[in-house]
Amino acid sequence: MNSVIIYADYGEIHLDIKTMMKKRNLTRTMLAKRTGLHHQIIDRYYNNTIARYDKDVLAKICFILECNLSDILYYEKPKSK
């Protein structure tokens, strides 16, 4: 049995909490303290290097930043089809 793996460009999900943090005048340290999350976790979300999004973490971030999920998370369509 032969298996064929096809890689397709489905686009990308981007997380941008930097912009909302700037609007709220919050640092990563402040966000970590207010959410009760480890600074390393906040750094991963801040730098958009997180591999899997945790809905509870996103809820805490949205609560503290007083924003909707759509304000910090967006989908970028593939560059070519």
PDB file of N, CA and C in Angstrom:
ATOM      1  N   MET A   1       0.838  -1.169   0.000  1.00  0.00           N
ATOM      2  CA  MET A   1       0.000   0.000   0.000  1.00  0.00           C
ATOM      3  C   MET A   1       0.889   1.239   0.000  1.00  0.00           C
ATOM      4  N   ASN A   2       0.675   2.083  -0.963  1.00  0.00           N
ATOM      5  CA  ASN A   2       1.456   3.310  -1.084  1.00  0.00           C
ATOM      6  C   ASN A   2       0.718   4.472  -0.443  1.00  0.00           C
ATOM      7  N   SER A   3       1.441   5.260   0.284  1.00  0.00           N
ATOM      8  CA  SER A   3       0.867   6.463   0.887  1.00  0.00           C
ATOM      9  C   SER A   3       1.443   7.686   0.204  1.00  0.00           C
ATOM     10  N   VAL A   4       0.581   8.602  -0.096  1.00  0.00           N
ATOM     11  CA  VAL A   4       1.019   9.845  -0.706  1.00  0.00           C
ATOM     12  C   VAL A   4       0.633  10.976   0.238  1.00  0.00           C
ATOM     13  N   ILE A   5       1.618  11.765   0.568  1.00  0.00           N
ATOM     14  CA  ILE A   5       1.369  12.911   1.428  1.00  0.00           C
ATOM     15  C   ILE A   5       1.411  14.157   0.556  1.00  0.00           C
ATOM     16  N   ILE A   6       0.338  14.900   0.582  1.00  0.00           N
ATOM     17  CA  ILE A   6       0.260  16.125  -0.190  1.00  0.00           C
ATOM     18  C   ILE A   6       0.282  17.300   0.778  1.00  0.00           C
ATOM     19  N   TYR A   7       1.228  18.176   0.578  1.00  0.00           N
ATOM     20  CA  TYR A   7       1.318  19.371   1.414  1.00  0.00           C
ATOM     21  C   TYR A   7       0.647  20.518   0.677  1.00  0.00           C
ATOM     22  N   ALA A   8      -0.272  21.139   1.331  1.00  0.00           N
ATOM     23  CA  ALA A   8      -0.977  22.262   0.725  1.00  0.00           C
ATOM     24  C   ALA A   8      -0.819  23.488   1.607  1.00  0.00           C
ATOM     25  N   ASP A   9      -0.857  24.616   0.984  1.00  0.00           N
ATOM     26  CA  ASP A   9      -0.806  25.873   1.714  1.00  0.00           C
ATOM     27  C   ASP A   9      -2.237  26.259   2.069  1.00  0.00           C
ATOM     28  N   TYR A  10      -2.579  26.122   3.338  1.00  0.00           N
ATOM     29  CA  TYR A  10      -3.920  26.441   3.798  1.00  0.00           C
ATOM     30  C   TYR A  10      -4.002  27.846   4.376  1.00  0.00           C
ATOM     31  N   GLY A  11      -2.897  28.548   4.374  1.00  0.00           N
ATOM     32  CA  GLY A  11      -2.840  29.851   5.007  1.00  0.00           C
ATOM     33  C   GLY A  11      -2.289  29.707   6.412  1.00  0.00           C
ATOM     34  N   GLU A  12      -2.380  30.775   7.179  1.00  0.00           N
ATOM     35  CA  GLU A  12      -1.825  30.755   8.529  1.00  0.00           C
ATOM     36  C   GLU A  12      -2.730  31.477   9.513  1.00  0.00           C
ATOM     37  N   ILE A  13      -2.665  31.038  10.751  1.00  0.00           N
ATOM     38  CA  ILE A  13      -3.337  31.716  11.853  1.00  0.00           C
ATOM     39  C   ILE A  13      -2.281  32.584  12.537  1.00  0.00           C
ATOM     40  N   HIS A  14      -2.621  33.831  12.773  1.00  0.00           N
ATOM     41  CA  HIS A  14      -1.703  34.753  13.437  1.00  0.00           C
ATOM     42  C   HIS A  14      -2.325  35.263  14.727  1.00  0.00           C
ATOM     43  N   LEU A  15      -1.489  35.433  15.703  1.00  0.00           N
ATOM     44  CA  LEU A  15      -1.900  35.976  16.985  1.00  0.00           C
ATOM     45  C   LEU A  15      -1.125  37.265  17.206  1.00  0.00           C
ATOM     46  N   ASP A  16      -1.840  38.350  17.476  1.00  0.00           N
ATOM     47  CA  ASP A  16      -1.197  39.636  17.700  1.00  0.00           C
ATOM     48  C   ASP A  16      -1.743  40.245  18.982  1.00  0.00           C
ATOM     49  N   ILE A  17      -1.068  39.946  20.090  1.00  0.00           N
ATOM     50  CA  ILE A  17      -1.487  40.573  21.344  1.00  0.00           C
ATOM     51  C   ILE A  17      -0.674  41.837  21.604  1.00  0.00           C
ATOM     52  N   LYS A  18       0.418  42.023  20.857  1.00  0.00           N
ATOM     53  CA  LYS A  18       1.269  43.198  21.034  1.00  0.00           C
ATOM     54  C   LYS A  18       0.475  44.490  20.859  1.00  0.00           C
ATOM     55  N   THR A  19      -0.332  44.552  19.815  1.00  0.00           N
ATOM     56  CA  THR A  19      -1.086  45.765  19.508  1.00  0.00           C
ATOM     57  C   THR A  19      -2.057  46.116  20.623  1.00  0.00           C
ATOM     58  N   MET A  20      -2.797  45.124  21.105  1.00  0.00           N
ATOM     59  CA  MET A  20      -3.758  45.372  22.183  1.00  0.00           C
ATOM     60  C   MET A  20      -3.047  45.714  23.483  1.00  0.00           C
ATOM     61  N   MET A  21      -1.917  45.082  23.732  1.00  0.00           N
ATOM     62  CA  MET A  21      -1.150  45.389  24.941  1.00  0.00           C
ATOM     63  C   MET A  21      -0.663  46.832  24.901  1.00  0.00           C
ATOM     64  N   LYS A  22      -0.224  47.256  23.728  1.00  0.00           N
ATOM     65  CA  LYS A  22       0.254  48.632  23.568  1.00  0.00           C
ATOM     66  C   LYS A  22      -0.889  49.618  23.821  1.00  0.00           C
ATOM     67  N   LYS A  23      -2.082  49.306  23.280  1.00  0.00           N
ATOM     68  CA  LYS A  23      -3.251  50.171  23.482  1.00  0.00           C
ATOM     69  C   LYS A  23      -3.616  50.273  24.960  1.00  0.00           C
ATOM     70  N   ARG A  24      -3.424  49.194  25.693  1.00  0.00           N
ATOM     71  CA  ARG A  24      -3.779  49.148  27.125  1.00  0.00           C
ATOM     72  C   ARG A  24      -2.603  49.524  28.026  1.00  0.00           C
ATOM     73  N   ASN A  25      -1.459  49.819  27.385  1.00  0.00           N
ATOM     74  CA  ASN A  25      -0.249  50.200  28.118  1.00  0.00           C
ATOM     75  C   ASN A  25       0.160  49.120  29.129  1.00  0.00           C
ATOM     76  N   LEU A  26       0.181  47.864  28.649  1.00  0.00           N
ATOM     77  CA  LEU A  26       0.552  46.726  29.490  1.00  0.00           C
ATOM     78  C   LEU A  26       1.851  46.102  28.995  1.00  0.00           C
ATOM     79  N   THR A  27       2.680  45.700  29.926  1.00  0.00           N
ATOM     80  CA  THR A  27       3.895  44.965  29.591  1.00  0.00           C
ATOM     81  C   THR A  27       3.597  43.467  29.700  1.00  0.00           C
ATOM     82  N   ARG A  28       4.513  42.657  29.231  1.00  0.00           N
ATOM     83  CA  ARG A  28       4.357  41.200  29.357  1.00  0.00           C
ATOM     84  C   ARG A  28       4.345  40.777  30.819  1.00  0.00           C
ATOM     85  N   THR A  29       5.146  41.427  31.619  1.00  0.00           N
ATOM     86  CA  THR A  29       5.178  41.109  33.046  1.00  0.00           C
ATOM     87  C   THR A  29       3.835  41.435  33.693  1.00  0.00           C
ATOM     88  N   MET A  30       3.270  42.581  33.357  1.00  0.00           N
ATOM     89  CA  MET A  30       1.965  42.966  33.899  1.00  0.00           C
ATOM     90  C   MET A  30       0.884  41.977  33.459  1.00  0.00           C
ATOM     91  N   LEU A  31       0.916  41.586  32.186  1.00  0.00           N
ATOM     92  CA  LEU A  31      -0.075  40.643  31.676  1.00  0.00           C
ATOM     93  C   LEU A  31       0.065  39.292  32.364  1.00  0.00           C
ATOM     94  N   ALA A  32       1.295  38.853  32.576  1.00  0.00           N
ATOM     95  CA  ALA A  32       1.532  37.577  33.268  1.00  0.00           C
ATOM     96  C   ALA A  32       0.963  37.626  34.689  1.00  0.00           C
ATOM     97  N   LYS A  33       1.210  38.710  35.397  1.00  0.00           N
ATOM     98  CA  LYS A  33       0.705  38.840  36.766  1.00  0.00           C
ATOM     99  C   LYS A  33      -0.819  38.883  36.809  1.00  0.00           C
ATOM    100  N   ARG A  34      -1.416  39.639  35.898  1.00  0.00           N
ATOM    101  CA  ARG A  34      -2.875  39.793  35.905  1.00  0.00           C
ATOM    102  C   ARG A  34      -3.610  38.536  35.464  1.00  0.00           C
ATOM    103  N   THR A  35      -2.992  37.750  34.584  1.00  0.00           N
ATOM    104  CA  THR A  35      -3.629  36.509  34.125  1.00  0.00           C
ATOM    105  C   THR A  35      -3.286  35.329  35.014  1.00  0.00           C
ATOM    106  N   GLY A  36      -2.185  35.451  35.777  1.00  0.00           N
ATOM    107  CA  GLY A  36      -1.728  34.331  36.594  1.00  0.00           C
ATOM    108  C   GLY A  36      -0.977  33.294  35.784  1.00  0.00           C
ATOM    109  N   LEU A  37      -0.573  33.657  34.575  1.00  0.00           N
ATOM    110  CA  LEU A  37       0.157  32.739  33.696  1.00  0.00           C
ATOM    111  C   LEU A  37       1.659  32.966  33.836  1.00  0.00           C
ATOM    112  N   HIS A  38       2.430  31.928  33.558  1.00  0.00           N
ATOM    113  CA  HIS A  38       3.885  32.051  33.584  1.00  0.00           C
ATOM    114  C   HIS A  38       4.342  33.006  32.488  1.00  0.00           C
ATOM    115  N   HIS A  39       5.407  33.712  32.786  1.00  0.00           N
ATOM    116  CA  HIS A  39       5.952  34.681  31.830  1.00  0.00           C
ATOM    117  C   HIS A  39       6.320  34.005  30.507  1.00  0.00           C
ATOM    118  N   GLN A  40       6.811  32.774  30.567  1.00  0.00           N
ATOM    119  CA  GLN A  40       7.194  32.037  29.348  1.00  0.00           C
ATOM    120  C   GLN A  40       5.992  31.826  28.429  1.00  0.00           C
ATOM    121  N   ILE A  41       4.849  31.549  29.011  1.00  0.00           N
ATOM    122  CA  ILE A  41       3.641  31.345  28.207  1.00  0.00           C
ATOM    123  C   ILE A  41       3.234  32.654  27.546  1.00  0.00           C
ATOM    124  N   ILE A  42       3.257  33.738  28.311  1.00  0.00           N
ATOM    125  CA  ILE A  42       2.932  35.049  27.751  1.00  0.00           C
ATOM    126  C   ILE A  42       3.902  35.383  26.621  1.00  0.00           C
ATOM    127  N   ASP A  43       5.186  35.089  26.805  1.00  0.00           N
ATOM    128  CA  ASP A  43       6.181  35.338  25.753  1.00  0.00           C
ATOM    129  C   ASP A  43       5.848  34.587  24.471  1.00  0.00           C
ATOM    130  N   ARG A  44       5.439  33.340  24.591  1.00  0.00           N
ATOM    131  CA  ARG A  44       5.108  32.547  23.397  1.00  0.00           C
ATOM    132  C   ARG A  44       3.909  33.132  22.652  1.00  0.00           C
ATOM    133  N   TYR A  45       2.915  33.576  23.392  1.00  0.00           N
ATOM    134  CA  TYR A  45       1.755  34.207  22.763  1.00  0.00           C
ATOM    135  C   TYR A  45       2.139  35.575  22.202  1.00  0.00           C
ATOM    136  N   TYR A  46       2.927  36.320  22.928  1.00  0.00           N
ATOM    137  CA  TYR A  46       3.370  37.654  22.508  1.00  0.00           C
ATOM    138  C   TYR A  46       4.176  37.581  21.212  1.00  0.00           C
ATOM    139  N   ASN A  47       5.077  36.608  21.126  1.00  0.00           N
ATOM    140  CA  ASN A  47       5.938  36.446  19.945  1.00  0.00           C
ATOM    141  C   ASN A  47       5.319  35.581  18.858  1.00  0.00           C
ATOM    142  N   ASN A  48       4.087  35.114  19.081  1.00  0.00           N
ATOM    143  CA  ASN A  48       3.364  34.270  18.134  1.00  0.00           C
ATOM    144  C   ASN A  48       4.178  33.021  17.784  1.00  0.00           C
ATOM    145  N   THR A  49       4.785  32.411  18.803  1.00  0.00           N
ATOM    146  CA  THR A  49       5.554  31.185  18.590  1.00  0.00           C
ATOM    147  C   THR A  49       4.855  29.980  19.219  1.00  0.00           C
ATOM    148  N   ILE A  50       3.631  30.170  19.639  1.00  0.00           N
ATOM    149  CA  ILE A  50       2.865  29.102  20.271  1.00  0.00           C
ATOM    150  C   ILE A  50       2.441  28.090  19.202  1.00  0.00           C
ATOM    151  N   ALA A  51       2.520  26.817  19.495  1.00  0.00           N
ATOM    152  CA  ALA A  51       2.156  25.788  18.521  1.00  0.00           C
ATOM    153  C   ALA A  51       0.660  25.454  18.573  1.00  0.00           C
ATOM    154  N   ARG A  52       0.123  25.399  19.785  1.00  0.00           N
ATOM    155  CA  ARG A  52      -1.296  25.084  19.968  1.00  0.00           C
ATOM    156  C   ARG A  52      -1.900  26.105  20.923  1.00  0.00           C
ATOM    157  N   TYR A  53      -3.014  26.646  20.497  1.00  0.00           N
ATOM    158  CA  TYR A  53      -3.673  27.671  21.307  1.00  0.00           C
ATOM    159  C   TYR A  53      -4.537  27.025  22.385  1.00  0.00           C
ATOM    160  N   ASP A  54      -4.458  27.541  23.577  1.00  0.00           N
ATOM    161  CA  ASP A  54      -5.236  27.068  24.714  1.00  0.00           C
ATOM    162  C   ASP A  54      -6.399  28.037  24.909  1.00  0.00           C
ATOM    163  N   LYS A  55      -7.624  27.514  24.854  1.00  0.00           N
ATOM    164  CA  LYS A  55      -8.789  28.401  24.938  1.00  0.00           C
ATOM    165  C   LYS A  55      -8.881  29.129  26.272  1.00  0.00           C
ATOM    166  N   ASP A  56      -8.436  28.510  27.348  1.00  0.00           N
ATOM    167  CA  ASP A  56      -8.458  29.170  28.653  1.00  0.00           C
ATOM    168  C   ASP A  56      -7.442  30.309  28.714  1.00  0.00           C
ATOM    169  N   VAL A  57      -6.288  30.099  28.131  1.00  0.00           N
ATOM    170  CA  VAL A  57      -5.268  31.149  28.076  1.00  0.00           C
ATOM    171  C   VAL A  57      -5.781  32.310  27.239  1.00  0.00           C
ATOM    172  N   LEU A  58      -6.363  32.012  26.080  1.00  0.00           N
ATOM    173  CA  LEU A  58      -6.906  33.067  25.226  1.00  0.00           C
ATOM    174  C   LEU A  58      -8.022  33.828  25.929  1.00  0.00           C
ATOM    175  N   ALA A  59      -8.856  33.128  26.679  1.00  0.00           N
ATOM    176  CA  ALA A  59      -9.940  33.780  27.415  1.00  0.00           C
ATOM    177  C   ALA A  59      -9.372  34.730  28.466  1.00  0.00           C
ATOM    178  N   LYS A  60      -8.337  34.305  29.178  1.00  0.00           N
ATOM    179  CA  LYS A  60      -7.714  35.163  30.191  1.00  0.00           C
ATOM    180  C   LYS A  60      -7.105  36.407  29.540  1.00  0.00           C
ATOM    181  N   ILE A  61      -6.416  36.200  28.430  1.00  0.00           N
ATOM    182  CA  ILE A  61      -5.784  37.320  27.738  1.00  0.00           C
ATOM    183  C   ILE A  61      -6.845  38.301  27.251  1.00  0.00           C
ATOM    184  N   CYS A  62      -7.906  37.794  26.636  1.00  0.00           N
ATOM    185  CA  CYS A  62      -8.988  38.670  26.155  1.00  0.00           C
ATOM    186  C   CYS A  62      -9.651  39.415  27.309  1.00  0.00           C
ATOM    187  N   PHE A  63      -9.839  38.739  28.434  1.00  0.00           N
ATOM    188  CA  PHE A  63     -10.457  39.370  29.598  1.00  0.00           C
ATOM    189  C   PHE A  63      -9.609  40.537  30.093  1.00  0.00           C
ATOM    190  N   ILE A  64      -8.312  40.309  30.251  1.00  0.00           N
ATOM    191  CA  ILE A  64      -7.423  41.348  30.755  1.00  0.00           C
ATOM    192  C   ILE A  64      -7.257  42.475  29.735  1.00  0.00           C
ATOM    193  N   LEU A  65      -7.175  42.135  28.455  1.00  0.00           N
ATOM    194  CA  LEU A  65      -7.003  43.154  27.418  1.00  0.00           C
ATOM    195  C   LEU A  65      -8.326  43.824  27.032  1.00  0.00           C
ATOM    196  N   GLU A  66      -9.430  43.325  27.594  1.00  0.00           N
ATOM    197  CA  GLU A  66     -10.763  43.859  27.300  1.00  0.00           C
ATOM    198  C   GLU A  66     -11.008  43.905  25.795  1.00  0.00           C
ATOM    199  N   CYS A  67     -10.825  42.742  25.163  1.00  0.00           N
ATOM    200  CA  CYS A  67     -10.988  42.659  23.714  1.00  0.00           C
ATOM    201  C   CYS A  67     -11.696  41.365  23.340  1.00  0.00           C
ATOM    202  N   ASN A  68     -12.061  41.265  22.093  1.00  0.00           N
ATOM    203  CA  ASN A  68     -12.625  40.033  21.539  1.00  0.00           C
ATOM    204  C   ASN A  68     -11.501  39.197  20.949  1.00  0.00           C
ATOM    205  N   LEU A  69     -11.755  37.930  20.797  1.00  0.00           N
ATOM    206  CA  LEU A  69     -10.758  37.040  20.201  1.00  0.00           C
ATOM    207  C   LEU A  69     -10.383  37.517  18.797  1.00  0.00           C
ATOM    208  N   SER A  70     -11.360  38.030  18.064  1.00  0.00           N
ATOM    209  CA  SER A  70     -11.100  38.507  16.695  1.00  0.00           C
ATOM    210  C   SER A  70     -10.196  39.740  16.669  1.00  0.00           C
ATOM    211  N   ASP A  71      -9.993  40.376  17.813  1.00  0.00           N
ATOM    212  CA  ASP A  71      -9.081  41.520  17.888  1.00  0.00           C
ATOM    213  C   ASP A  71      -7.626  41.092  17.943  1.00  0.00           C
ATOM    214  N   ILE A  72      -7.371  39.853  18.335  1.00  0.00           N
ATOM    215  CA  ILE A  72      -5.986  39.398  18.502  1.00  0.00           C
ATOM    216  C   ILE A  72      -5.626  38.175  17.657  1.00  0.00           C
ATOM    217  N   LEU A  73      -6.609  37.494  17.112  1.00  0.00           N
ATOM    218  CA  LEU A  73      -6.370  36.266  16.350  1.00  0.00           C
ATOM    219  C   LEU A  73      -6.992  36.419  14.975  1.00  0.00           C
ATOM    220  N   TYR A  74      -6.196  36.164  13.935  1.00  0.00           N
ATOM    221  CA  TYR A  74      -6.748  36.296  12.583  1.00  0.00           C
ATOM    222  C   TYR A  74      -6.140  35.266  11.636  1.00  0.00           C
ATOM    223  N   TYR A  75      -6.849  35.060  10.545  1.00  0.00           N
ATOM    224  CA  TYR A  75      -6.462  34.079   9.534  1.00  0.00           C
ATOM    225  C   TYR A  75      -5.935  34.810   8.314  1.00  0.00           C
ATOM    226  N   GLU A  76      -4.772  34.373   7.821  1.00  0.00           N
ATOM    227  CA  GLU A  76      -4.208  34.909   6.592  1.00  0.00           C
ATOM    228  C   GLU A  76      -4.330  33.855   5.502  1.00  0.00           C
ATOM    229  N   LYS A  77      -5.008  34.216   4.419  1.00  0.00           N
ATOM    230  CA  LYS A  77      -5.218  33.272   3.328  1.00  0.00           C
ATOM    231  C   LYS A  77      -3.882  32.908   2.680  1.00  0.00           C
ATOM    232  N   PRO A  78      -3.842  31.740   2.008  1.00  0.00           N
ATOM    233  CA  PRO A  78      -2.599  31.350   1.333  1.00  0.00           C
ATOM    234  C   PRO A  78      -2.234  32.349   0.236  1.00  0.00           C
ATOM    235  N   LYS A  79      -0.965  32.485   0.004  1.00  0.00           N
ATOM    236  CA  LYS A  79      -0.501  33.434  -0.999  1.00  0.00           C
ATOM    237  C   LYS A  79      -0.797  32.978  -2.422  1.00  0.00           C
ATOM    238  N   SER A  80      -0.837  31.667  -2.618  1.00  0.00           N
ATOM    239  CA  SER A  80      -1.136  31.126  -3.944  1.00  0.00           C
ATOM    240  C   SER A  80      -2.047  29.925  -3.810  1.00  0.00           C
ATOM    241  N   LYS A  81      -2.825  29.678  -4.835  1.00  0.00           N
ATOM    242  CA  LYS A  81      -3.745  28.520  -4.801  1.00  0.00           C
ATOM    243  C   LYS A  81      -3.303  27.455  -5.750  1.00  0.00           C
TER     244      LYS A  81
END
